[in-house]
Amino acid sequence: MFSGGDYAEVARWLTNFVTSHAKRENPHVEAAVDTQGDREGRSYGVRLLLGSALEPPADRAPVELAFEEVASRRGELAWCQALATRVRERARALSVPSGPSPRPV
């Protein structure tokens, strides 16, 4: 039903999918799907943003998803569930405050 599509259409679907599942963990998390440069027409680079924090962090590569894989498998429930799980895990990791924990009173 949802398989196939051109690069831009699949990018819109992926952005909406990632955003939807990330926001289930924290409504303030946003999705960034990079489609520019060497990726254009062949892959997507996915990151989650919460304020100035990124997941994966800026010093690491984004999650890479091949256009052909996303286009052909976005109609498969099991594939979508696995991707949703990955997104939600990263959103949870991003939502956990970093730094030292407050000392008990």
N, C-alpha and C. Protein backbone atom coordinates (compact mmCIF):
# COMPACT_ATOMS: atom_id res chain seq x y z
N MET A 1 0.81 -1.19 0.00
CA MET A 1 0.00 0.00 0.00
C MET A 1 0.86 1.26 0.00
N PHE A 2 1.85 1.36 0.89
CA PHE A 2 2.68 2.55 0.97
C PHE A 2 4.05 2.35 0.35
N SER A 3 4.32 1.23 -0.26
CA SER A 3 5.64 0.99 -0.84
C SER A 3 5.82 1.82 -2.10
N GLY A 4 7.08 2.05 -2.43
CA GLY A 4 7.41 2.80 -3.64
C GLY A 4 7.40 4.29 -3.39
N GLY A 5 7.41 5.04 -4.48
CA GLY A 5 7.41 6.49 -4.42
C GLY A 5 8.74 7.07 -4.86
N ASP A 6 8.71 8.36 -5.20
CA ASP A 6 9.96 9.00 -5.61
C ASP A 6 10.73 9.46 -4.36
N TYR A 7 11.93 9.93 -4.57
CA TYR A 7 12.82 10.28 -3.47
C TYR A 7 12.20 11.31 -2.52
N ALA A 8 11.61 12.37 -3.07
CA ALA A 8 11.02 13.43 -2.23
C ALA A 8 9.82 12.92 -1.45
N GLU A 9 8.98 12.11 -2.08
CA GLU A 9 7.80 11.57 -1.39
C GLU A 9 8.21 10.66 -0.24
N VAL A 10 9.20 9.82 -0.48
CA VAL A 10 9.68 8.91 0.56
C VAL A 10 10.34 9.71 1.68
N ALA A 11 11.04 10.79 1.35
CA ALA A 11 11.65 11.65 2.38
C ALA A 11 10.58 12.27 3.27
N ARG A 12 9.48 12.72 2.68
CA ARG A 12 8.37 13.28 3.48
C ARG A 12 7.79 12.21 4.40
N TRP A 13 7.57 11.02 3.86
CA TRP A 13 7.03 9.93 4.67
C TRP A 13 7.98 9.62 5.82
N LEU A 14 9.28 9.51 5.54
CA LEU A 14 10.27 9.18 6.56
C LEU A 14 10.31 10.26 7.64
N THR A 15 10.28 11.51 7.25
CA THR A 15 10.28 12.61 8.22
C THR A 15 9.07 12.53 9.13
N ASN A 16 7.91 12.31 8.55
CA ASN A 16 6.68 12.18 9.36
C ASN A 16 6.73 10.96 10.27
N PHE A 17 7.23 9.85 9.76
CA PHE A 17 7.32 8.61 10.54
C PHE A 17 8.25 8.80 11.73
N VAL A 18 9.44 9.32 11.47
CA VAL A 18 10.43 9.52 12.55
C VAL A 18 9.90 10.52 13.57
N THR A 19 9.33 11.62 13.10
CA THR A 19 8.78 12.63 14.00
C THR A 19 7.70 12.03 14.89
N SER A 20 6.79 11.31 14.29
CA SER A 20 5.67 10.71 15.03
C SER A 20 6.16 9.79 16.15
N HIS A 21 7.10 8.93 15.84
CA HIS A 21 7.57 7.97 16.84
C HIS A 21 8.47 8.62 17.89
N ALA A 22 9.26 9.60 17.50
CA ALA A 22 10.11 10.31 18.47
C ALA A 22 9.25 11.08 19.47
N LYS A 23 8.20 11.72 18.98
CA LYS A 23 7.33 12.51 19.86
C LYS A 23 6.53 11.65 20.83
N ARG A 24 6.45 10.38 20.59
CA ARG A 24 5.78 9.49 21.56
C ARG A 24 6.61 9.35 22.83
N GLU A 25 7.91 9.59 22.71
CA GLU A 25 8.80 9.55 23.87
C GLU A 25 8.95 10.91 24.52
N ASN A 26 8.97 11.95 23.70
CA ASN A 26 9.11 13.32 24.21
C ASN A 26 8.53 14.25 23.16
N PRO A 27 7.47 14.98 23.48
CA PRO A 27 6.81 15.82 22.48
C PRO A 27 7.68 16.97 21.96
N HIS A 28 8.82 17.20 22.58
CA HIS A 28 9.69 18.30 22.15
C HIS A 28 10.77 17.85 21.17
N VAL A 29 10.90 16.55 20.95
CA VAL A 29 11.91 16.03 20.02
C VAL A 29 11.45 16.27 18.59
N GLU A 30 12.38 16.70 17.75
CA GLU A 30 12.11 16.92 16.33
C GLU A 30 12.99 16.00 15.50
N ALA A 31 12.55 15.72 14.29
CA ALA A 31 13.33 14.89 13.37
C ALA A 31 14.00 15.78 12.33
N ALA A 32 15.22 15.42 11.96
CA ALA A 32 15.93 16.07 10.87
C ALA A 32 16.35 14.98 9.90
N VAL A 33 15.83 15.05 8.68
CA VAL A 33 16.17 14.07 7.66
C VAL A 33 16.93 14.80 6.56
N ASP A 34 18.22 14.49 6.44
CA ASP A 34 19.08 15.14 5.45
C ASP A 34 18.97 14.43 4.11
N THR A 35 18.72 15.21 3.08
CA THR A 35 18.57 14.67 1.73
C THR A 35 19.53 15.34 0.75
N GLN A 36 20.43 16.15 1.25
CA GLN A 36 21.27 16.98 0.39
C GLN A 36 22.62 16.34 0.08
N GLY A 37 23.34 16.94 -0.85
CA GLY A 37 24.70 16.53 -1.17
C GLY A 37 24.78 15.13 -1.74
N ASP A 38 25.74 14.36 -1.24
CA ASP A 38 25.97 13.01 -1.75
C ASP A 38 24.79 12.07 -1.51
N ARG A 39 23.93 12.41 -0.57
CA ARG A 39 22.77 11.55 -0.27
C ARG A 39 21.66 11.68 -1.30
N GLU A 40 21.58 12.82 -1.95
CA GLU A 40 20.44 13.13 -2.80
C GLU A 40 20.15 12.01 -3.80
N GLY A 41 18.94 11.49 -3.70
CA GLY A 41 18.49 10.45 -4.60
C GLY A 41 18.89 9.04 -4.21
N ARG A 42 19.73 8.89 -3.17
CA ARG A 42 20.18 7.54 -2.84
C ARG A 42 20.03 7.15 -1.38
N SER A 43 20.04 8.12 -0.45
CA SER A 43 19.91 7.77 0.97
C SER A 43 19.41 8.96 1.77
N TYR A 44 19.18 8.69 3.06
CA TYR A 44 18.73 9.73 4.00
C TYR A 44 19.60 9.66 5.24
N GLY A 45 19.94 10.81 5.80
CA GLY A 45 20.66 10.88 7.07
C GLY A 45 19.69 11.38 8.13
N VAL A 46 19.45 10.58 9.16
CA VAL A 46 18.42 10.90 10.15
C VAL A 46 19.05 11.22 11.50
N ARG A 47 18.62 12.33 12.09
CA ARG A 47 18.99 12.72 13.44
C ARG A 47 17.74 13.18 14.18
N LEU A 48 17.81 13.11 15.49
CA LEU A 48 16.77 13.68 16.34
C LEU A 48 17.35 14.89 17.04
N LEU A 49 16.52 15.90 17.26
CA LEU A 49 16.95 17.13 17.92
C LEU A 49 16.07 17.41 19.12
N LEU A 50 16.71 17.83 20.19
CA LEU A 50 16.00 18.29 21.39
C LEU A 50 16.77 19.49 21.89
N GLY A 51 16.24 20.67 21.64
CA GLY A 51 16.99 21.89 21.95
C GLY A 51 18.24 21.91 21.09
N SER A 52 19.40 22.01 21.73
CA SER A 52 20.66 22.00 20.99
C SER A 52 21.30 20.61 20.96
N ALA A 53 20.67 19.64 21.58
CA ALA A 53 21.20 18.27 21.63
C ALA A 53 20.78 17.49 20.39
N LEU A 54 21.69 16.65 19.91
CA LEU A 54 21.44 15.81 18.74
C LEU A 54 21.64 14.35 19.08
N GLU A 55 20.89 13.50 18.42
CA GLU A 55 21.07 12.05 18.53
C GLU A 55 20.98 11.47 17.12
N PRO A 56 22.00 10.84 16.60
CA PRO A 56 23.34 10.74 17.15
C PRO A 56 23.99 12.12 17.29
N PRO A 57 24.96 12.23 18.20
CA PRO A 57 25.65 13.51 18.41
C PRO A 57 26.31 14.02 17.13
N ALA A 58 26.59 15.30 17.11
CA ALA A 58 27.17 15.95 15.92
C ALA A 58 28.51 15.35 15.51
N ASP A 59 29.26 14.80 16.46
CA ASP A 59 30.57 14.23 16.12
C ASP A 59 30.46 12.80 15.58
N ARG A 60 29.24 12.29 15.43
CA ARG A 60 29.01 10.96 14.85
C ARG A 60 28.13 11.10 13.62
N ALA A 61 28.21 10.12 12.75
CA ALA A 61 27.40 10.13 11.54
C ALA A 61 25.92 9.94 11.89
N PRO A 62 25.03 10.54 11.10
CA PRO A 62 23.61 10.29 11.33
C PRO A 62 23.26 8.85 10.99
N VAL A 63 22.07 8.44 11.36
CA VAL A 63 21.57 7.12 10.97
C VAL A 63 21.34 7.18 9.47
N GLU A 64 21.95 6.28 8.74
CA GLU A 64 21.83 6.24 7.28
C GLU A 64 20.79 5.21 6.87
N LEU A 65 19.86 5.62 6.04
CA LEU A 65 18.85 4.72 5.50
C LEU A 65 18.86 4.86 3.99
N ALA A 66 19.01 3.76 3.29
CA ALA A 66 19.03 3.77 1.83
C ALA A 66 17.64 4.06 1.28
N PHE A 67 17.58 4.90 0.27
CA PHE A 67 16.32 5.25 -0.37
C PHE A 67 15.58 4.00 -0.84
N GLU A 68 16.26 3.10 -1.53
CA GLU A 68 15.60 1.90 -2.06
C GLU A 68 14.99 1.06 -0.94
N GLU A 69 15.70 0.94 0.17
CA GLU A 69 15.17 0.14 1.29
C GLU A 69 13.92 0.79 1.87
N VAL A 70 13.98 2.09 2.14
CA VAL A 70 12.82 2.77 2.73
C VAL A 70 11.64 2.73 1.76
N ALA A 71 11.90 3.01 0.49
CA ALA A 71 10.82 3.03 -0.50
C ALA A 71 10.15 1.67 -0.63
N SER A 72 10.95 0.61 -0.65
CA SER A 72 10.37 -0.71 -0.88
C SER A 72 9.80 -1.36 0.38
N ARG A 73 10.26 -0.92 1.56
CA ARG A 73 9.85 -1.62 2.78
C ARG A 73 8.91 -0.80 3.67
N ARG A 74 8.62 0.42 3.32
CA ARG A 74 7.77 1.24 4.20
C ARG A 74 6.35 0.72 4.32
N GLY A 75 5.97 -0.22 3.49
CA GLY A 75 4.66 -0.84 3.60
C GLY A 75 4.67 -2.12 4.42
N GLU A 76 5.84 -2.52 4.93
CA GLU A 76 5.95 -3.75 5.72
C GLU A 76 5.86 -3.45 7.20
N LEU A 77 4.88 -4.04 7.85
CA LEU A 77 4.65 -3.79 9.27
C LEU A 77 5.87 -4.11 10.12
N ALA A 78 6.51 -5.24 9.90
CA ALA A 78 7.66 -5.64 10.73
C ALA A 78 8.83 -4.67 10.56
N TRP A 79 9.09 -4.23 9.33
CA TRP A 79 10.18 -3.29 9.09
C TRP A 79 9.87 -1.95 9.77
N CYS A 80 8.65 -1.49 9.63
CA CYS A 80 8.25 -0.22 10.26
C CYS A 80 8.34 -0.32 11.78
N GLN A 81 7.93 -1.45 12.34
CA GLN A 81 8.01 -1.63 13.79
C GLN A 81 9.45 -1.58 14.26
N ALA A 82 10.36 -2.22 13.53
CA ALA A 82 11.78 -2.22 13.91
C ALA A 82 12.34 -0.80 13.84
N LEU A 83 11.98 -0.06 12.80
CA LEU A 83 12.46 1.33 12.68
C LEU A 83 11.86 2.19 13.79
N ALA A 84 10.60 2.00 14.08
CA ALA A 84 9.95 2.76 15.16
C ALA A 84 10.65 2.50 16.49
N THR A 85 11.01 1.26 16.74
CA THR A 85 11.72 0.91 17.98
C THR A 85 13.06 1.63 18.06
N ARG A 86 13.80 1.63 16.96
CA ARG A 86 15.10 2.33 16.92
C ARG A 86 14.92 3.82 17.19
N VAL A 87 13.93 4.43 16.57
CA VAL A 87 13.68 5.86 16.74
C VAL A 87 13.31 6.16 18.19
N ARG A 88 12.43 5.37 18.75
CA ARG A 88 11.99 5.62 20.13
C ARG A 88 13.12 5.43 21.13
N GLU A 89 13.99 4.45 20.90
CA GLU A 89 15.15 4.26 21.78
C GLU A 89 16.06 5.48 21.74
N ARG A 90 16.30 6.01 20.55
CA ARG A 90 17.15 7.20 20.41
C ARG A 90 16.49 8.43 21.02
N ALA A 91 15.17 8.54 20.88
CA ALA A 91 14.46 9.67 21.48
C ALA A 91 14.52 9.60 23.00
N ARG A 92 14.40 8.40 23.55
CA ARG A 92 14.53 8.24 25.01
C ARG A 92 15.93 8.62 25.47
N ALA A 93 16.95 8.17 24.74
CA ALA A 93 18.33 8.50 25.09
C ALA A 93 18.56 10.00 25.05
N LEU A 94 17.98 10.65 24.07
CA LEU A 94 18.13 12.10 23.93
C LEU A 94 17.41 12.84 25.05
N SER A 95 16.34 12.27 25.55
CA SER A 95 15.52 12.92 26.57
C SER A 95 16.07 12.77 27.98
N VAL A 96 17.04 11.87 28.18
CA VAL A 96 17.63 11.67 29.49
C VAL A 96 18.64 12.80 29.75
N PRO A 97 18.47 13.52 30.85
CA PRO A 97 19.40 14.62 31.13
C PRO A 97 20.82 14.10 31.27
N SER A 98 21.78 14.83 30.70
CA SER A 98 23.17 14.45 30.85
C SER A 98 23.78 15.22 32.01
N GLY A 99 24.92 14.77 32.42
CA GLY A 99 25.61 15.43 33.53
C GLY A 99 25.35 14.73 34.83
N PRO A 100 25.91 15.27 35.90
CA PRO A 100 25.75 14.61 37.21
C PRO A 100 24.32 14.68 37.69
N SER A 101 23.92 13.64 38.38
CA SER A 101 22.60 13.60 38.99
C SER A 101 22.58 14.50 40.22
N PRO A 102 21.43 15.08 40.51
CA PRO A 102 21.35 15.89 41.73
C PRO A 102 21.60 15.01 42.95
N ARG A 103 22.25 15.60 43.94
CA ARG A 103 22.52 14.84 45.17
C ARG A 103 21.24 14.70 45.99
N PRO A 104 21.08 13.54 46.63
CA PRO A 104 19.90 13.37 47.48
C PRO A 104 19.95 14.34 48.67
N VAL A 105 18.80 14.72 49.12
CA VAL A 105 18.71 15.67 50.23
C VAL A 105 18.80 14.96 51.54
